Amino acid sequence: MFFVMLLKPFLLLGFLVIGYPITYYVRHKMKDGRLKRLLLRKIS
């Protein structure tokens, strides 16, 4: 259980590092459409 608590911040950082180029590409390079709106929708 302790190790899970220790790893959570690193996993979050990893997701941000991997996810940022993807969102940048979607925002700037992808043509407008339903898929782009779906990908840029805020996750709630």
PDB file of N, CA and C in Angstrom:
ATOM      1  N   MET A   1       0.835  -1.212   0.000  1.00  0.00           N
ATOM      2  CA  MET A   1       0.000   0.000   0.000  1.00  0.00           C
ATOM      3  C   MET A   1       0.872   1.267   0.000  1.00  0.00           C
ATOM      4  N   PHE A   2       1.946   1.227   0.751  1.00  0.00           N
ATOM      5  CA  PHE A   2       2.853   2.374   0.841  1.00  0.00           C
ATOM      6  C   PHE A   2       3.482   2.682  -0.511  1.00  0.00           C
ATOM      7  N   PHE A   3       3.860   1.611  -1.224  1.00  0.00           N
ATOM      8  CA  PHE A   3       4.491   1.797  -2.530  1.00  0.00           C
ATOM      9  C   PHE A   3       3.542   2.419  -3.541  1.00  0.00           C
ATOM     10  N   VAL A   4       2.267   2.065  -3.443  1.00  0.00           N
ATOM     11  CA  VAL A   4       1.260   2.651  -4.340  1.00  0.00           C
ATOM     12  C   VAL A   4       1.160   4.156  -4.101  1.00  0.00           C
ATOM     13  N   MET A   5       1.136   4.546  -2.827  1.00  0.00           N
ATOM     14  CA  MET A   5       1.080   5.971  -2.476  1.00  0.00           C
ATOM     15  C   MET A   5       2.333   6.700  -2.975  1.00  0.00           C
ATOM     16  N   LEU A   6       3.465   6.018  -2.931  1.00  0.00           N
ATOM     17  CA  LEU A   6       4.728   6.597  -3.364  1.00  0.00           C
ATOM     18  C   LEU A   6       4.777   6.767  -4.877  1.00  0.00           C
ATOM     19  N   LEU A   7       4.173   5.846  -5.617  1.00  0.00           N
ATOM     20  CA  LEU A   7       4.242   5.862  -7.077  1.00  0.00           C
ATOM     21  C   LEU A   7       3.227   6.779  -7.729  1.00  0.00           C
ATOM     22  N   LYS A   8       2.135   7.104  -7.040  1.00  0.00           N
ATOM     23  CA  LYS A   8       1.069   7.893  -7.661  1.00  0.00           C
ATOM     24  C   LYS A   8       1.535   9.219  -8.264  1.00  0.00           C
ATOM     25  N   PRO A   9       2.327  10.048  -7.561  1.00  0.00           N
ATOM     26  CA  PRO A   9       2.783  11.306  -8.181  1.00  0.00           C
ATOM     27  C   PRO A   9       3.617  11.089  -9.436  1.00  0.00           C
ATOM     28  N   PHE A  10       4.423  10.039  -9.437  1.00  0.00           N
ATOM     29  CA  PHE A  10       5.258   9.756 -10.607  1.00  0.00           C
ATOM     30  C   PHE A  10       4.411   9.318 -11.797  1.00  0.00           C
ATOM     31  N   LEU A  11       3.372   8.531 -11.528  1.00  0.00           N
ATOM     32  CA  LEU A  11       2.461   8.123 -12.598  1.00  0.00           C
ATOM     33  C   LEU A  11       1.759   9.328 -13.188  1.00  0.00           C
ATOM     34  N   LEU A  12       1.300  10.233 -12.328  1.00  0.00           N
ATOM     35  CA  LEU A  12       0.629  11.448 -12.801  1.00  0.00           C
ATOM     36  C   LEU A  12       1.564  12.280 -13.663  1.00  0.00           C
ATOM     37  N   LEU A  13       2.803  12.438 -13.220  1.00  0.00           N
ATOM     38  CA  LEU A  13       3.798  13.180 -13.992  1.00  0.00           C
ATOM     39  C   LEU A  13       4.057  12.503 -15.336  1.00  0.00           C
ATOM     40  N   GLY A  14       4.128  11.183 -15.331  1.00  0.00           N
ATOM     41  CA  GLY A  14       4.317  10.431 -16.562  1.00  0.00           C
ATOM     42  C   GLY A  14       3.182  10.654 -17.540  1.00  0.00           C
ATOM     43  N   PHE A  15       1.945  10.615 -17.037  1.00  0.00           N
ATOM     44  CA  PHE A  15       0.793  10.871 -17.905  1.00  0.00           C
ATOM     45  C   PHE A  15       0.843  12.269 -18.502  1.00  0.00           C
ATOM     46  N   LEU A  16       1.256  13.260 -17.712  1.00  0.00           N
ATOM     47  CA  LEU A  16       1.360  14.623 -18.221  1.00  0.00           C
ATOM     48  C   LEU A  16       2.422  14.733 -19.304  1.00  0.00           C
ATOM     49  N   VAL A  17       3.574  14.108 -19.073  1.00  0.00           N
ATOM     50  CA  VAL A  17       4.675  14.169 -20.040  1.00  0.00           C
ATOM     51  C   VAL A  17       4.287  13.490 -21.349  1.00  0.00           C
ATOM     52  N   ILE A  18       3.578  12.351 -21.254  1.00  0.00           N
ATOM     53  CA  ILE A  18       3.148  11.641 -22.456  1.00  0.00           C
ATOM     54  C   ILE A  18       1.972  12.358 -23.117  1.00  0.00           C
ATOM     55  N   GLY A  19       1.064  12.881 -22.309  1.00  0.00           N
ATOM     56  CA  GLY A  19      -0.171  13.454 -22.830  1.00  0.00           C
ATOM     57  C   GLY A  19      -0.022  14.831 -23.442  1.00  0.00           C
ATOM     58  N   TYR A  20       0.951  15.616 -22.989  1.00  0.00           N
ATOM     59  CA  TYR A  20       1.054  16.990 -23.482  1.00  0.00           C
ATOM     60  C   TYR A  20       1.330  17.081 -24.976  1.00  0.00           C
ATOM     61  N   PRO A  21       2.304  16.325 -25.531  1.00  0.00           N
ATOM     62  CA  PRO A  21       2.520  16.387 -26.993  1.00  0.00           C
ATOM     63  C   PRO A  21       1.292  15.963 -27.785  1.00  0.00           C
ATOM     64  N   ILE A  22       0.539  15.001 -27.257  1.00  0.00           N
ATOM     65  CA  ILE A  22      -0.667  14.532 -27.946  1.00  0.00           C
ATOM     66  C   ILE A  22      -1.700  15.647 -28.004  1.00  0.00           C
ATOM     67  N   THR A  23      -1.945  16.304 -26.869  1.00  0.00           N
ATOM     68  CA  THR A  23      -2.929  17.392 -26.861  1.00  0.00           C
ATOM     69  C   THR A  23      -2.455  18.560 -27.719  1.00  0.00           C
ATOM     70  N   TYR A  24      -1.146  18.817 -27.719  1.00  0.00           N
ATOM     71  CA  TYR A  24      -0.602  19.882 -28.570  1.00  0.00           C
ATOM     72  C   TYR A  24      -0.854  19.566 -30.040  1.00  0.00           C
ATOM     73  N   TYR A  25      -0.582  18.336 -30.434  1.00  0.00           N
ATOM     74  CA  TYR A  25      -0.814  17.920 -31.821  1.00  0.00           C
ATOM     75  C   TYR A  25      -2.279  18.062 -32.198  1.00  0.00           C
ATOM     76  N   VAL A  26      -3.147  17.587 -31.315  1.00  0.00           N
ATOM     77  CA  VAL A  26      -4.586  17.649 -31.598  1.00  0.00           C
ATOM     78  C   VAL A  26      -5.024  19.102 -31.756  1.00  0.00           C
ATOM     79  N   ARG A  27      -4.529  19.978 -30.869  1.00  0.00           N
ATOM     80  CA  ARG A  27      -4.940  21.375 -30.887  1.00  0.00           C
ATOM     81  C   ARG A  27      -4.473  22.105 -32.147  1.00  0.00           C
ATOM     82  N   HIS A  28      -3.260  21.843 -32.595  1.00  0.00           N
ATOM     83  CA  HIS A  28      -2.655  22.666 -33.635  1.00  0.00           C
ATOM     84  C   HIS A  28      -2.626  22.028 -35.018  1.00  0.00           C
ATOM     85  N   LYS A  29      -2.525  20.694 -35.100  1.00  0.00           N
ATOM     86  CA  LYS A  29      -2.306  20.054 -36.389  1.00  0.00           C
ATOM     87  C   LYS A  29      -3.561  19.382 -36.962  1.00  0.00           C
ATOM     88  N   MET A  30      -4.460  18.962 -36.072  1.00  0.00           N
ATOM     89  CA  MET A  30      -5.598  18.163 -36.518  1.00  0.00           C
ATOM     90  C   MET A  30      -6.671  19.057 -37.127  1.00  0.00           C
ATOM     91  N   LYS A  31      -7.332  18.550 -38.161  1.00  0.00           N
ATOM     92  CA  LYS A  31      -8.414  19.340 -38.755  1.00  0.00           C
ATOM     93  C   LYS A  31      -9.644  19.270 -37.876  1.00  0.00           C
ATOM     94  N   ASP A  32     -10.461  20.334 -37.934  1.00  0.00           N
ATOM     95  CA  ASP A  32     -11.640  20.410 -37.084  1.00  0.00           C
ATOM     96  C   ASP A  32     -12.629  19.310 -37.424  1.00  0.00           C
ATOM     97  N   GLY A  33     -13.289  18.838 -36.393  1.00  0.00           N
ATOM     98  CA  GLY A  33     -14.279  17.796 -36.591  1.00  0.00           C
ATOM     99  C   GLY A  33     -14.757  17.248 -35.262  1.00  0.00           C
ATOM    100  N   ARG A  34     -15.558  16.206 -35.351  1.00  0.00           N
ATOM    101  CA  ARG A  34     -16.124  15.628 -34.137  1.00  0.00           C
ATOM    102  C   ARG A  34     -15.057  14.994 -33.267  1.00  0.00           C
ATOM    103  N   LEU A  35     -14.072  14.342 -33.900  1.00  0.00           N
ATOM    104  CA  LEU A  35     -13.021  13.676 -33.125  1.00  0.00           C
ATOM    105  C   LEU A  35     -12.195  14.688 -32.329  1.00  0.00           C
ATOM    106  N   LYS A  36     -11.863  15.818 -32.972  1.00  0.00           N
ATOM    107  CA  LYS A  36     -11.087  16.855 -32.289  1.00  0.00           C
ATOM    108  C   LYS A  36     -11.862  17.398 -31.092  1.00  0.00           C
ATOM    109  N   ARG A  37     -13.149  17.680 -31.274  1.00  0.00           N
ATOM    110  CA  ARG A  37     -13.961  18.172 -30.155  1.00  0.00           C
ATOM    111  C   ARG A  37     -14.035  17.147 -29.039  1.00  0.00           C
ATOM    112  N   LEU A  38     -14.141  15.872 -29.425  1.00  0.00           N
ATOM    113  CA  LEU A  38     -14.198  14.804 -28.428  1.00  0.00           C
ATOM    114  C   LEU A  38     -12.898  14.724 -27.637  1.00  0.00           C
ATOM    115  N   LEU A  39     -11.765  14.838 -28.347  1.00  0.00           N
ATOM    116  CA  LEU A  39     -10.469  14.716 -27.674  1.00  0.00           C
ATOM    117  C   LEU A  39     -10.162  15.917 -26.793  1.00  0.00           C
ATOM    118  N   LEU A  40     -10.632  17.107 -27.181  1.00  0.00           N
ATOM    119  CA  LEU A  40     -10.333  18.315 -26.402  1.00  0.00           C
ATOM    120  C   LEU A  40     -11.336  18.591 -25.303  1.00  0.00           C
ATOM    121  N   ARG A  41     -12.396  17.751 -25.241  1.00  0.00           N
ATOM    122  CA  ARG A  41     -13.401  17.952 -24.199  1.00  0.00           C
ATOM    123  C   ARG A  41     -12.764  17.718 -22.823  1.00  0.00           C
ATOM    124  N   LYS A  42     -13.151  18.547 -21.868  1.00  0.00           N
ATOM    125  CA  LYS A  42     -12.613  18.401 -20.526  1.00  0.00           C
ATOM    126  C   LYS A  42     -13.143  17.101 -19.916  1.00  0.00           C
ATOM    127  N   ILE A  43     -12.235  16.372 -19.281  1.00  0.00           N
ATOM    128  CA  ILE A  43     -12.616  15.136 -18.606  1.00  0.00           C
ATOM    129  C   ILE A  43     -13.117  15.502 -17.220  1.00  0.00           C
ATOM    130  N   SER A  44     -14.381  15.156 -16.950  1.00  0.00           N
ATOM    131  CA  SER A  44     -14.942  15.495 -15.643  1.00  0.00           C
ATOM    132  C   SER A  44     -15.467  14.258 -14.941  1.00  0.00           C
TER     133      SER A  44
END
